PDB file of N, CA and C in Angstrom:
ATOM      1  N   MET A   1       0.825  -1.281   0.030  1.00  0.00           N
ATOM      2  CA  MET A   1       0.052   0.001   0.063  1.00  0.00           C
ATOM      3  C   MET A   1       0.884   1.225   0.074  1.00  0.00           C
ATOM      4  N   PHE A   2       0.600   2.142  -0.860  1.00  0.00           N
ATOM      5  CA  PHE A   2       1.483   3.400  -1.065  1.00  0.00           C
ATOM      6  C   PHE A   2       1.521   4.262   0.216  1.00  0.00           C
ATOM      7  N   LYS A   3       0.543   4.275   0.954  1.00  0.00           N
ATOM      8  CA  LYS A   3       0.436   5.182   2.103  1.00  0.00           C
ATOM      9  C   LYS A   3       1.621   4.718   3.138  1.00  0.00           C
ATOM     10  N   ARG A   4       2.231   3.682   3.084  1.00  0.00           N
ATOM     11  CA  ARG A   4       3.247   3.303   3.958  1.00  0.00           C
ATOM     12  C   ARG A   4       4.632   4.057   3.630  1.00  0.00           C
ATOM     13  N   SER A   5       4.709   4.533   2.426  1.00  0.00           N
ATOM     14  CA  SER A   5       5.913   5.106   2.018  1.00  0.00           C
ATOM     15  C   SER A   5       5.965   6.575   2.334  1.00  0.00           C
ATOM     16  N   SER A   6       7.094   7.040   2.880  1.00  0.00           N
ATOM     17  CA  SER A   6       7.176   8.458   3.268  1.00  0.00           C
ATOM     18  C   SER A   6       7.609   9.100   1.941  1.00  0.00           C
ATOM     19  N   VAL A   7       8.145   8.492   1.013  1.00  0.00           N
ATOM     20  CA  VAL A   7       8.403   9.123  -0.419  1.00  0.00           C
ATOM     21  C   VAL A   7       7.202   9.049  -1.203  1.00  0.00           C
ATOM     22  N   PRO A   8       6.806  10.225  -1.839  1.00  0.00           N
ATOM     23  CA  PRO A   8       5.583  10.123  -2.764  1.00  0.00           C
ATOM     24  C   PRO A   8       5.760   9.189  -3.960  1.00  0.00           C
ATOM     25  N   ILE A   9       4.728   8.321  -4.054  1.00  0.00           N
ATOM     26  CA  ILE A   9       4.663   7.400  -5.130  1.00  0.00           C
ATOM     27  C   ILE A   9       3.864   8.091  -6.227  1.00  0.00           C
ATOM     28  N   ILE A  10       4.391   8.230  -7.505  1.00  0.00           N
ATOM     29  CA  ILE A  10       3.642   8.837  -8.547  1.00  0.00           C
ATOM     30  C   ILE A  10       3.549   7.901  -9.684  1.00  0.00           C
ATOM     31  N   ALA A  11       2.227   7.693  -9.978  1.00  0.00           N
ATOM     32  CA  ALA A  11       1.915   6.778 -11.153  1.00  0.00           C
ATOM     33  C   ALA A  11       2.308   7.480 -12.449  1.00  0.00           C
ATOM     34  N   ASP A  12       3.128   6.790 -13.258  1.00  0.00           N
ATOM     35  CA  ASP A  12       3.545   7.434 -14.379  1.00  0.00           C
ATOM     36  C   ASP A  12       3.081   6.676 -15.649  1.00  0.00           C
ATOM     37  N   GLU A  13       3.814   5.620 -16.124  1.00  0.00           N
ATOM     38  CA  GLU A  13       3.436   5.059 -17.324  1.00  0.00           C
ATOM     39  C   GLU A  13       2.071   4.291 -17.247  1.00  0.00           C
ATOM     40  N   THR A  14       1.533   4.198 -16.130  1.00  0.00           N
ATOM     41  CA  THR A  14       0.180   3.520 -15.917  1.00  0.00           C
ATOM     42  C   THR A  14      -0.922   4.501 -16.220  1.00  0.00           C
ATOM     43  N   VAL A  15      -0.675   5.639 -16.309  1.00  0.00           N
ATOM     44  CA  VAL A  15      -1.774   6.610 -16.566  1.00  0.00           C
ATOM     45  C   VAL A  15      -1.688   7.164 -17.947  1.00  0.00           C
ATOM     46  N   PHE A  16      -2.427   6.750 -18.876  1.00  0.00           N
ATOM     47  CA  PHE A  16      -2.638   7.293 -20.252  1.00  0.00           C
ATOM     48  C   PHE A  16      -3.881   7.880 -20.459  1.00  0.00           C
ATOM     49  N   SER A  17      -4.843   7.634 -19.684  1.00  0.00           N
ATOM     50  CA  SER A  17      -6.285   8.069 -19.846  1.00  0.00           C
ATOM     51  C   SER A  17      -7.050   8.419 -18.565  1.00  0.00           C
ATOM     52  N   PRO A  18      -8.065   9.089 -18.742  1.00  0.00           N
ATOM     53  CA  PRO A  18      -8.982   9.441 -17.397  1.00  0.00           C
ATOM     54  C   PRO A  18      -9.294   8.094 -16.697  1.00  0.00           C
ATOM     55  N   ASP A  19      -9.666   7.079 -17.511  1.00  0.00           N
ATOM     56  CA  ASP A  19      -9.968   5.861 -16.807  1.00  0.00           C
ATOM     57  C   ASP A  19      -8.673   5.180 -15.970  1.00  0.00           C
ATOM     58  N   ASP A  20      -7.620   5.326 -16.555  1.00  0.00           N
ATOM     59  CA  ASP A  20      -6.350   4.984 -15.855  1.00  0.00           C
ATOM     60  C   ASP A  20      -6.307   5.697 -14.465  1.00  0.00           C
ATOM     61  N   CYS A  21      -6.630   7.056 -14.593  1.00  0.00           N
ATOM     62  CA  CYS A  21      -6.487   7.893 -13.414  1.00  0.00           C
ATOM     63  C   CYS A  21      -7.428   7.388 -12.372  1.00  0.00           C
ATOM     64  N   LYS A  22      -8.702   7.141 -12.857  1.00  0.00           N
ATOM     65  CA  LYS A  22      -9.749   6.730 -11.976  1.00  0.00           C
ATOM     66  C   LYS A  22      -9.367   5.357 -11.217  1.00  0.00           C
ATOM     67  N   ARG A  23      -8.648   4.505 -11.932  1.00  0.00           N
ATOM     68  CA  ARG A  23      -8.190   3.200 -11.316  1.00  0.00           C
ATOM     69  C   ARG A  23      -7.068   3.553 -10.131  1.00  0.00           C
ATOM     70  N   VAL A  24      -6.145   4.463 -10.474  1.00  0.00           N
ATOM     71  CA  VAL A  24      -5.298   4.850  -9.464  1.00  0.00           C
ATOM     72  C   VAL A  24      -6.105   5.387  -8.280  1.00  0.00           C
ATOM     73  N   ILE A  25      -7.091   6.271  -8.473  1.00  0.00           N
ATOM     74  CA  ILE A  25      -7.894   6.765  -7.274  1.00  0.00           C
ATOM     75  C   ILE A  25      -8.668   5.739  -6.573  1.00  0.00           C
ATOM     76  N   ASP A  26      -9.465   4.873  -7.354  1.00  0.00           N
ATOM     77  CA  ASP A  26     -10.226   3.930  -6.693  1.00  0.00           C
ATOM     78  C   ASP A  26      -9.517   2.900  -5.977  1.00  0.00           C
ATOM     79  N   GLU A  27      -8.488   2.457  -6.530  1.00  0.00           N
ATOM     80  CA  GLU A  27      -7.618   1.226  -5.895  1.00  0.00           C
ATOM     81  C   GLU A  27      -6.505   1.840  -5.035  1.00  0.00           C
ATOM     82  N   GLN A  28      -6.508   3.265  -4.782  1.00  0.00           N
ATOM     83  CA  GLN A  28      -5.477   3.899  -3.895  1.00  0.00           C
ATOM     84  C   GLN A  28      -4.103   3.344  -4.188  1.00  0.00           C
ATOM     85  N   LEU A  29      -3.683   3.574  -5.452  1.00  0.00           N
ATOM     86  CA  LEU A  29      -2.511   2.985  -5.885  1.00  0.00           C
ATOM     87  C   LEU A  29      -1.258   3.862  -5.778  1.00  0.00           C
ATOM     88  N   ALA A  30      -1.425   5.150  -5.659  1.00  0.00           N
ATOM     89  CA  ALA A  30      -0.310   6.099  -5.476  1.00  0.00           C
ATOM     90  C   ALA A  30      -0.709   7.480  -4.876  1.00  0.00           C
ATOM     91  N   HIS A  31       0.337   8.188  -4.461  1.00  0.00           N
ATOM     92  CA  HIS A  31       0.076   9.617  -3.880  1.00  0.00           C
ATOM     93  C   HIS A  31      -0.275  10.481  -5.032  1.00  0.00           C
ATOM     94  N   GLY A  32       0.073  10.218  -6.235  1.00  0.00           N
ATOM     95  CA  GLY A  32      -0.220  11.135  -7.428  1.00  0.00           C
ATOM     96  C   GLY A  32      -0.031  10.487  -8.750  1.00  0.00           C
ATOM     97  N   VAL A  33      -0.222  11.374  -9.745  1.00  0.00           N
ATOM     98  CA  VAL A  33      -0.181  10.922 -11.075  1.00  0.00           C
ATOM     99  C   VAL A  33       0.698  11.925 -11.851  1.00  0.00           C
ATOM    100  N   ASN A  34       1.452  11.324 -12.808  1.00  0.00           N
ATOM    101  CA  ASN A  34       2.302  12.087 -13.766  1.00  0.00           C
ATOM    102  C   ASN A  34       1.537  12.350 -15.065  1.00  0.00           C
ATOM    103  N   ILE A  35       1.226  13.454 -15.417  1.00  0.00           N
ATOM    104  CA  ILE A  35       0.419  13.792 -16.703  1.00  0.00           C
ATOM    105  C   ILE A  35       1.550  14.063 -17.792  1.00  0.00           C
ATOM    106  N   LYS A  36       1.389  13.454 -18.975  1.00  0.00           N
ATOM    107  CA  LYS A  36       2.226  13.871 -20.092  1.00  0.00           C
ATOM    108  C   LYS A  36       1.328  14.040 -21.217  1.00  0.00           C
ATOM    109  N   ILE A  37       1.409  15.271 -21.722  1.00  0.00           N
ATOM    110  CA  ILE A  37       0.554  15.757 -22.807  1.00  0.00           C
ATOM    111  C   ILE A  37       0.971  14.886 -24.068  1.00  0.00           C
ATOM    112  N   ALA A  38       2.118  14.436 -24.276  1.00  0.00           N
ATOM    113  CA  ALA A  38       2.544  13.615 -25.460  1.00  0.00           C
ATOM    114  C   ALA A  38       1.936  12.207 -25.456  1.00  0.00           C
ATOM    115  N   LYS A  39       1.567  11.645 -24.137  1.00  0.00           N
ATOM    116  CA  LYS A  39       1.038  10.374 -24.282  1.00  0.00           C
ATOM    117  C   LYS A  39      -0.445  10.444 -24.116  1.00  0.00           C
ATOM    118  N   SER A  40      -1.080  11.561 -23.381  1.00  0.00           N
ATOM    119  CA  SER A  40      -2.627  11.636 -23.282  1.00  0.00           C
ATOM    120  C   SER A  40      -3.175  12.590 -24.067  1.00  0.00           C
ATOM    121  N   GLY A  41      -2.594  13.517 -24.728  1.00  0.00           N
ATOM    122  CA  GLY A  41      -3.316  14.513 -25.490  1.00  0.00           C
ATOM    123  C   GLY A  41      -3.683  15.695 -24.571  1.00  0.00           C
ATOM    124  N   ILE A  42      -4.147  16.699 -25.160  1.00  0.00           N
ATOM    125  CA  ILE A  42      -4.616  17.791 -24.328  1.00  0.00           C
ATOM    126  C   ILE A  42      -5.850  17.657 -23.632  1.00  0.00           C
ATOM    127  N   ALA A  43      -6.810  17.164 -24.279  1.00  0.00           N
ATOM    128  CA  ALA A  43      -8.198  16.922 -23.641  1.00  0.00           C
ATOM    129  C   ALA A  43      -8.093  15.928 -22.585  1.00  0.00           C
ATOM    130  N   ASP A  44      -7.545  14.811 -22.783  1.00  0.00           N
ATOM    131  CA  ASP A  44      -7.431  13.695 -21.736  1.00  0.00           C
ATOM    132  C   ASP A  44      -6.567  14.249 -20.570  1.00  0.00           C
ATOM    133  N   SER A  45      -5.513  14.947 -20.915  1.00  0.00           N
ATOM    134  CA  SER A  45      -4.642  15.443 -19.793  1.00  0.00           C
ATOM    135  C   SER A  45      -5.308  16.368 -18.911  1.00  0.00           C
ATOM    136  N   GLN A  46      -6.248  17.155 -19.502  1.00  0.00           N
ATOM    137  CA  GLN A  46      -6.975  18.155 -18.686  1.00  0.00           C
ATOM    138  C   GLN A  46      -7.945  17.404 -17.790  1.00  0.00           C
ATOM    139  N   GLU A  47      -8.679  16.334 -18.341  1.00  0.00           N
ATOM    140  CA  GLU A  47      -9.547  15.404 -17.528  1.00  0.00           C
ATOM    141  C   GLU A  47      -8.849  14.788 -16.415  1.00  0.00           C
ATOM    142  N   ILE A  48      -7.600  14.262 -16.745  1.00  0.00           N
ATOM    143  CA  ILE A  48      -6.776  13.692 -15.728  1.00  0.00           C
ATOM    144  C   ILE A  48      -6.489  14.545 -14.593  1.00  0.00           C
ATOM    145  N   LEU A  49      -6.130  15.864 -14.955  1.00  0.00           N
ATOM    146  CA  LEU A  49      -5.744  16.838 -14.040  1.00  0.00           C
ATOM    147  C   LEU A  49      -7.005  17.072 -13.137  1.00  0.00           C
ATOM    148  N   ARG A  50      -8.229  17.188 -13.745  1.00  0.00           N
ATOM    149  CA  ARG A  50      -9.454  17.432 -12.952  1.00  0.00           C
ATOM    150  C   ARG A  50      -9.723  16.276 -11.890  1.00  0.00           C
ATOM    151  N   LEU A  51      -9.632  15.117 -12.442  1.00  0.00           N
ATOM    152  CA  LEU A  51      -9.935  13.930 -11.605  1.00  0.00           C
ATOM    153  C   LEU A  51      -8.877  13.889 -10.512  1.00  0.00           C
ATOM    154  N   ALA A  52      -7.672  14.144 -10.719  1.00  0.00           N
ATOM    155  CA  ALA A  52      -6.513  14.032  -9.754  1.00  0.00           C
ATOM    156  C   ALA A  52      -6.755  15.136  -8.588  1.00  0.00           C
ATOM    157  N   LYS A  53      -7.064  16.294  -9.128  1.00  0.00           N
ATOM    158  CA  LYS A  53      -7.262  17.430  -8.195  1.00  0.00           C
ATOM    159  C   LYS A  53      -8.406  17.175  -7.229  1.00  0.00           C
ATOM    160  N   LYS A  54      -9.528  16.574  -7.807  1.00  0.00           N
ATOM    161  CA  LYS A  54     -10.715  16.349  -7.058  1.00  0.00           C
ATOM    162  C   LYS A  54     -10.388  15.252  -6.004  1.00  0.00           C
ATOM    163  N   ALA A  55      -9.600  14.283  -6.269  1.00  0.00           N
ATOM    164  CA  ALA A  55      -9.246  13.208  -5.401  1.00  0.00           C
ATOM    165  C   ALA A  55      -8.083  13.593  -4.447  1.00  0.00           C
ATOM    166  N   LYS A  56      -7.517  14.854  -4.599  1.00  0.00           N
ATOM    167  CA  LYS A  56      -6.481  15.529  -3.720  1.00  0.00           C
ATOM    168  C   LYS A  56      -5.106  14.696  -3.891  1.00  0.00           C
ATOM    169  N   LEU A  57      -4.895  14.236  -5.170  1.00  0.00           N
ATOM    170  CA  LEU A  57      -3.573  13.557  -5.514  1.00  0.00           C
ATOM    171  C   LEU A  57      -2.575  14.555  -5.796  1.00  0.00           C
ATOM    172  N   LYS A  58      -1.294  14.174  -5.648  1.00  0.00           N
ATOM    173  CA  LYS A  58      -0.163  15.013  -6.031  1.00  0.00           C
ATOM    174  C   LYS A  58      -0.175  14.914  -7.664  1.00  0.00           C
ATOM    175  N   LEU A  59       0.331  16.053  -8.106  1.00  0.00           N
ATOM    176  CA  LEU A  59       0.423  16.199  -9.507  1.00  0.00           C
ATOM    177  C   LEU A  59       1.736  16.478 -10.067  1.00  0.00           C
ATOM    178  N   MET A  60       2.175  15.680 -11.139  1.00  0.00           N
ATOM    179  CA  MET A  60       3.499  15.904 -11.709  1.00  0.00           C
ATOM    180  C   MET A  60       3.225  16.073 -13.117  1.00  0.00           C
ATOM    181  N   ILE A  61       3.953  17.022 -13.992  1.00  0.00           N
ATOM    182  CA  ILE A  61       3.888  17.070 -15.245  1.00  0.00           C
ATOM    183  C   ILE A  61       5.161  16.592 -15.812  1.00  0.00           C
ATOM    184  N   GLY A  62       5.072  15.743 -16.788  1.00  0.00           N
ATOM    185  CA  GLY A  62       6.202  15.181 -17.344  1.00  0.00           C
ATOM    186  C   GLY A  62       6.321  15.214 -18.838  1.00  0.00           C
ATOM    187  N   CYS A  63       7.391  14.716 -19.429  1.00  0.00           N
ATOM    188  CA  CYS A  63       7.389  14.721 -20.970  1.00  0.00           C
ATOM    189  C   CYS A  63       8.033  13.462 -21.460  1.00  0.00           C
ATOM    190  N   MET A  64       7.865  13.237 -22.711  1.00  0.00           N
ATOM    191  CA  MET A  64       8.632  12.165 -23.307  1.00  0.00           C
ATOM    192  C   MET A  64       9.846  12.725 -23.965  1.00  0.00           C
ATOM    193  N   THR A  65      10.309  12.298 -25.259  1.00  0.00           N
ATOM    194  CA  THR A  65      11.477  12.973 -25.797  1.00  0.00           C
ATOM    195  C   THR A  65      10.938  13.850 -26.822  1.00  0.00           C
ATOM    196  N   GLU A  66      10.151  14.942 -26.399  1.00  0.00           N
ATOM    197  CA  GLU A  66       9.605  15.870 -27.551  1.00  0.00           C
ATOM    198  C   GLU A  66      10.646  16.846 -27.861  1.00  0.00           C
ATOM    199  N   THR A  67      10.416  17.417 -28.966  1.00  0.00           N
ATOM    200  CA  THR A  67      10.993  18.647 -29.440  1.00  0.00           C
ATOM    201  C   THR A  67      10.434  19.831 -28.765  1.00  0.00           C
ATOM    202  N   MET A  68      11.066  21.014 -29.015  1.00  0.00           N
ATOM    203  CA  MET A  68      10.528  22.290 -28.379  1.00  0.00           C
ATOM    204  C   MET A  68       9.073  22.496 -28.754  1.00  0.00           C
ATOM    205  N   VAL A  69       8.671  22.075 -29.921  1.00  0.00           N
ATOM    206  CA  VAL A  69       7.286  22.269 -30.397  1.00  0.00           C
ATOM    207  C   VAL A  69       6.380  21.495 -29.418  1.00  0.00           C
ATOM    208  N   GLY A  70       6.625  20.138 -29.245  1.00  0.00           N
ATOM    209  CA  GLY A  70       5.748  19.282 -28.494  1.00  0.00           C
ATOM    210  C   GLY A  70       5.839  19.780 -26.844  1.00  0.00           C
ATOM    211  N   LEU A  71       7.034  20.073 -26.431  1.00  0.00           N
ATOM    212  CA  LEU A  71       7.367  20.518 -25.148  1.00  0.00           C
ATOM    213  C   LEU A  71       6.572  21.753 -24.772  1.00  0.00           C
ATOM    214  N   SER A  72       6.501  22.567 -25.663  1.00  0.00           N
ATOM    215  CA  SER A  72       5.744  23.875 -25.389  1.00  0.00           C
ATOM    216  C   SER A  72       4.308  23.669 -24.990  1.00  0.00           C
ATOM    217  N   ALA A  73       3.688  22.631 -25.427  1.00  0.00           N
ATOM    218  CA  ALA A  73       2.317  22.579 -24.973  1.00  0.00           C
ATOM    219  C   ALA A  73       2.318  22.151 -23.408  1.00  0.00           C
ATOM    220  N   ALA A  74       3.167  21.236 -23.081  1.00  0.00           N
ATOM    221  CA  ALA A  74       3.265  20.847 -21.635  1.00  0.00           C
ATOM    222  C   ALA A  74       3.667  22.093 -20.781  1.00  0.00           C
ATOM    223  N   ILE A  75       4.631  22.932 -21.185  1.00  0.00           N
ATOM    224  CA  ILE A  75       5.138  23.972 -20.344  1.00  0.00           C
ATOM    225  C   ILE A  75       3.792  25.078 -20.314  1.00  0.00           C
ATOM    226  N   CYS A  76       3.160  25.261 -21.243  1.00  0.00           N
ATOM    227  CA  CYS A  76       2.051  26.155 -21.208  1.00  0.00           C
ATOM    228  C   CYS A  76       0.891  25.596 -20.332  1.00  0.00           C
ATOM    229  N   PHE A  77       0.737  24.281 -20.404  1.00  0.00           N
ATOM    230  CA  PHE A  77      -0.366  23.644 -19.617  1.00  0.00           C
ATOM    231  C   PHE A  77       0.021  23.740 -18.177  1.00  0.00           C
ATOM    232  N   ALA A  78       1.373  23.442 -17.865  1.00  0.00           N
ATOM    233  CA  ALA A  78       1.771  23.619 -16.382  1.00  0.00           C
ATOM    234  C   ALA A  78       1.623  25.007 -15.971  1.00  0.00           C
ATOM    235  N   ALA A  79       2.099  26.042 -16.750  1.00  0.00           N
ATOM    236  CA  ALA A  79       2.062  27.471 -16.359  1.00  0.00           C
ATOM    237  C   ALA A  79       0.713  28.041 -16.220  1.00  0.00           C
ATOM    238  N   GLY A  80      -0.317  27.498 -17.048  1.00  0.00           N
ATOM    239  CA  GLY A  80      -1.573  27.977 -17.155  1.00  0.00           C
ATOM    240  C   GLY A  80      -2.456  27.401 -16.091  1.00  0.00           C
ATOM    241  N   THR A  81      -2.151  26.248 -15.594  1.00  0.00           N
ATOM    242  CA  THR A  81      -2.956  25.718 -14.504  1.00  0.00           C
ATOM    243  C   THR A  81      -2.395  25.891 -13.083  1.00  0.00           C
ATOM    244  N   SER A  82      -1.185  26.172 -12.886  1.00  0.00           N
ATOM    245  CA  SER A  82      -0.527  26.247 -11.581  1.00  0.00           C
ATOM    246  C   SER A  82      -0.788  25.201 -10.684  1.00  0.00           C
ATOM    247  N   ALA A  83      -1.063  24.005 -11.260  1.00  0.00           N
ATOM    248  CA  ALA A  83      -1.569  22.871 -10.360  1.00  0.00           C
ATOM    249  C   ALA A  83      -0.502  21.913 -10.035  1.00  0.00           C
ATOM    250  N   PHE A  84       0.682  21.948 -10.508  1.00  0.00           N
ATOM    251  CA  PHE A  84       1.618  20.834 -10.365  1.00  0.00           C
ATOM    252  C   PHE A  84       2.440  20.996  -9.184  1.00  0.00           C
ATOM    253  N   ASP A  85       2.663  19.886  -8.499  1.00  0.00           N
ATOM    254  CA  ASP A  85       3.693  19.813  -7.405  1.00  0.00           C
ATOM    255  C   ASP A  85       5.035  19.524  -7.784  1.00  0.00           C
ATOM    256  N   TYR A  86       5.127  18.730  -8.963  1.00  0.00           N
ATOM    257  CA  TYR A  86       6.503  18.478  -9.468  1.00  0.00           C
ATOM    258  C   TYR A  86       6.450  18.614 -10.973  1.00  0.00           C
ATOM    259  N   ILE A  87       7.636  19.197 -11.451  1.00  0.00           N
ATOM    260  CA  ILE A  87       7.691  19.547 -12.898  1.00  0.00           C
ATOM    261  C   ILE A  87       8.877  18.815 -13.412  1.00  0.00           C
ATOM    262  N   ASP A  88       8.752  18.075 -14.399  1.00  0.00           N
ATOM    263  CA  ASP A  88       9.846  17.312 -15.024  1.00  0.00           C
ATOM    264  C   ASP A  88       9.777  17.407 -16.582  1.00  0.00           C
ATOM    265  N   LEU A  89      10.019  18.668 -17.052  1.00  0.00           N
ATOM    266  CA  LEU A  89       9.940  19.061 -18.531  1.00  0.00           C
ATOM    267  C   LEU A  89      11.405  19.213 -18.995  1.00  0.00           C
ATOM    268  N   ASP A  90      12.118  18.090 -19.036  1.00  0.00           N
ATOM    269  CA  ASP A  90      13.569  18.291 -19.371  1.00  0.00           C
ATOM    270  C   ASP A  90      13.972  17.770 -20.691  1.00  0.00           C
ATOM    271  N   SER A  91      13.146  17.380 -21.604  1.00  0.00           N
ATOM    272  CA  SER A  91      13.577  16.642 -22.747  1.00  0.00           C
ATOM    273  C   SER A  91      14.298  17.680 -23.682  1.00  0.00           C
ATOM    274  N   ILE A  92      14.103  18.856 -23.443  1.00  0.00           N
ATOM    275  CA  ILE A  92      14.816  19.897 -24.253  1.00  0.00           C
ATOM    276  C   ILE A  92      16.386  19.729 -24.075  1.00  0.00           C
ATOM    277  N   HIS A  93      16.819  19.155 -22.937  1.00  0.00           N
ATOM    278  CA  HIS A  93      18.271  19.073 -22.607  1.00  0.00           C
ATOM    279  C   HIS A  93      18.857  17.854 -23.246  1.00  0.00           C
ATOM    280  N   PHE A  94      17.934  16.948 -23.704  1.00  0.00           N
ATOM    281  CA  PHE A  94      18.406  15.717 -24.399  1.00  0.00           C
ATOM    282  C   PHE A  94      18.529  15.847 -25.822  1.00  0.00           C
ATOM    283  N   LEU A  95      17.992  16.879 -26.439  1.00  0.00           N
ATOM    284  CA  LEU A  95      18.038  17.001 -27.902  1.00  0.00           C
ATOM    285  C   LEU A  95      18.684  18.276 -28.266  1.00  0.00           C
ATOM    286  N   HIS A  96      19.244  18.217 -29.455  1.00  0.00           N
ATOM    287  CA  HIS A  96      20.100  19.400 -29.942  1.00  0.00           C
ATOM    288  C   HIS A  96      19.193  20.262 -30.833  1.00  0.00           C
ATOM    289  N   HIS A  97      18.623  21.298 -30.410  1.00  0.00           N
ATOM    290  CA  HIS A  97      17.750  22.125 -31.248  1.00  0.00           C
ATOM    291  C   HIS A  97      17.567  23.491 -30.379  1.00  0.00           C
ATOM    292  N   LYS A  98      16.894  24.437 -30.976  1.00  0.00           N
ATOM    293  CA  LYS A  98      16.760  25.768 -30.314  1.00  0.00           C
ATOM    294  C   LYS A  98      16.130  25.679 -29.063  1.00  0.00           C
ATOM    295  N   ASN A  99      16.289  26.534 -28.194  1.00  0.00           N
ATOM    296  CA  ASN A  99      15.705  26.589 -26.834  1.00  0.00           C
ATOM    297  C   ASN A  99      14.477  27.503 -26.921  1.00  0.00           C
ATOM    298  N   SER A 100      14.022  27.770 -27.934  1.00  0.00           N
ATOM    299  CA  SER A 100      12.809  28.777 -28.058  1.00  0.00           C
ATOM    300  C   SER A 100      11.864  28.316 -29.086  1.00  0.00           C
ATOM    301  N   TYR A 101      10.496  28.588 -28.926  1.00  0.00           N
ATOM    302  CA  TYR A 101       9.548  28.363 -29.949  1.00  0.00           C
ATOM    303  C   TYR A 101       8.361  29.172 -29.623  1.00  0.00           C
ATOM    304  N   ASN A 102       7.909  29.946 -30.649  1.00  0.00           N
ATOM    305  CA  ASN A 102       6.602  30.679 -30.635  1.00  0.00           C
ATOM    306  C   ASN A 102       6.461  31.471 -29.271  1.00  0.00           C
ATOM    307  N   GLY A 103       7.422  32.176 -28.828  1.00  0.00           N
ATOM    308  CA  GLY A 103       7.141  33.028 -27.675  1.00  0.00           C
ATOM    309  C   GLY A 103       7.501  32.405 -26.361  1.00  0.00           C
ATOM    310  N   LEU A 104       8.129  31.193 -26.411  1.00  0.00           N
ATOM    311  CA  LEU A 104       8.480  30.455 -25.264  1.00  0.00           C
ATOM    312  C   LEU A 104      10.040  30.246 -25.407  1.00  0.00           C
ATOM    313  N   THR A 105      10.727  30.550 -24.338  1.00  0.00           N
ATOM    314  CA  THR A 105      12.176  30.333 -24.322  1.00  0.00           C
ATOM    315  C   THR A 105      12.553  29.579 -22.946  1.00  0.00           C
ATOM    316  N   ILE A 106      13.492  28.685 -23.063  1.00  0.00           N
ATOM    317  CA  ILE A 106      14.122  28.011 -21.959  1.00  0.00           C
ATOM    318  C   ILE A 106      15.350  28.511 -21.675  1.00  0.00           C
ATOM    319  N   LYS A 107      15.732  29.021 -20.515  1.00  0.00           N
ATOM    320  CA  LYS A 107      16.951  29.670 -19.956  1.00  0.00           C
ATOM    321  C   LYS A 107      17.440  28.788 -18.816  1.00  0.00           C
ATOM    322  N   GLY A 108      18.160  27.807 -18.993  1.00  0.00           N
ATOM    323  CA  GLY A 108      18.751  26.970 -17.867  1.00  0.00           C
ATOM    324  C   GLY A 108      17.472  26.224 -17.385  1.00  0.00           C
ATOM    325  N   ARG A 109      17.097  26.466 -16.004  1.00  0.00           N
ATOM    326  CA  ARG A 109      16.087  25.862 -15.392  1.00  0.00           C
ATOM    327  C   ARG A 109      14.799  26.644 -15.481  1.00  0.00           C
ATOM    328  N   SER A 110      14.798  27.777 -16.117  1.00  0.00           N
ATOM    329  CA  SER A 110      13.591  28.621 -16.198  1.00  0.00           C
ATOM    330  C   SER A 110      12.947  28.557 -17.571  1.00  0.00           C
ATOM    331  N   TYR A 111      11.570  28.887 -17.563  1.00  0.00           N
ATOM    332  CA  TYR A 111      10.753  28.889 -18.692  1.00  0.00           C
ATOM    333  C   TYR A 111      10.310  30.333 -18.839  1.00  0.00           C
ATOM    334  N   ASP A 112      10.451  31.146 -19.991  1.00  0.00           N
ATOM    335  CA  ASP A 112       9.961  32.451 -20.247  1.00  0.00           C
ATOM    336  C   ASP A 112       8.924  32.357 -21.338  1.00  0.00           C
ATOM    337  N   ILE A 113       7.690  32.710 -20.889  1.00  0.00           N
ATOM    338  CA  ILE A 113       6.484  32.630 -21.695  1.00  0.00           C
ATOM    339  C   ILE A 113       6.096  34.030 -22.098  1.00  0.00           C
ATOM    340  N   LYS A 114       6.053  34.292 -23.357  1.00  0.00           N
ATOM    341  CA  LYS A 114       5.472  35.732 -23.747  1.00  0.00           C
ATOM    342  C   LYS A 114       4.230  35.710 -24.408  1.00  0.00           C
TER     343      LYS A 114
END
C-alpha cells in the first residue's frame, strides 16, 4: 500500500487516460499521477488533472522525448494551471535544437513565456 511510503509514489506510465487515473484513485495505488501531454493529449490530460485534483492527488507534469514544439504544450499547460507539485519537463536538454519556440524560451532551469 502506497500510504506506507514516506516518499511520494507517483503513477507514471500506468496513466494514459482518465480511466487509468480513476483506477489509481479507486484502488489507492499512488500519492499522485504524472501527466504527459505527449501520451494523453490535451483533452485527456485536462480530464486527468481534474480527476486528480478532485481526489487530492499530487500532480506531476512530465514529458517524453519531445522537441520544443511538443514540449511547449506541456510548459504552457503547467504554467496555465499552476496545479503541479512536481515538474519534469527536461527533454529539451536531451535534444540538440533551439531553446525557443513561438514566444516560449528556456533559459537553464527557467521557462519564459511571452
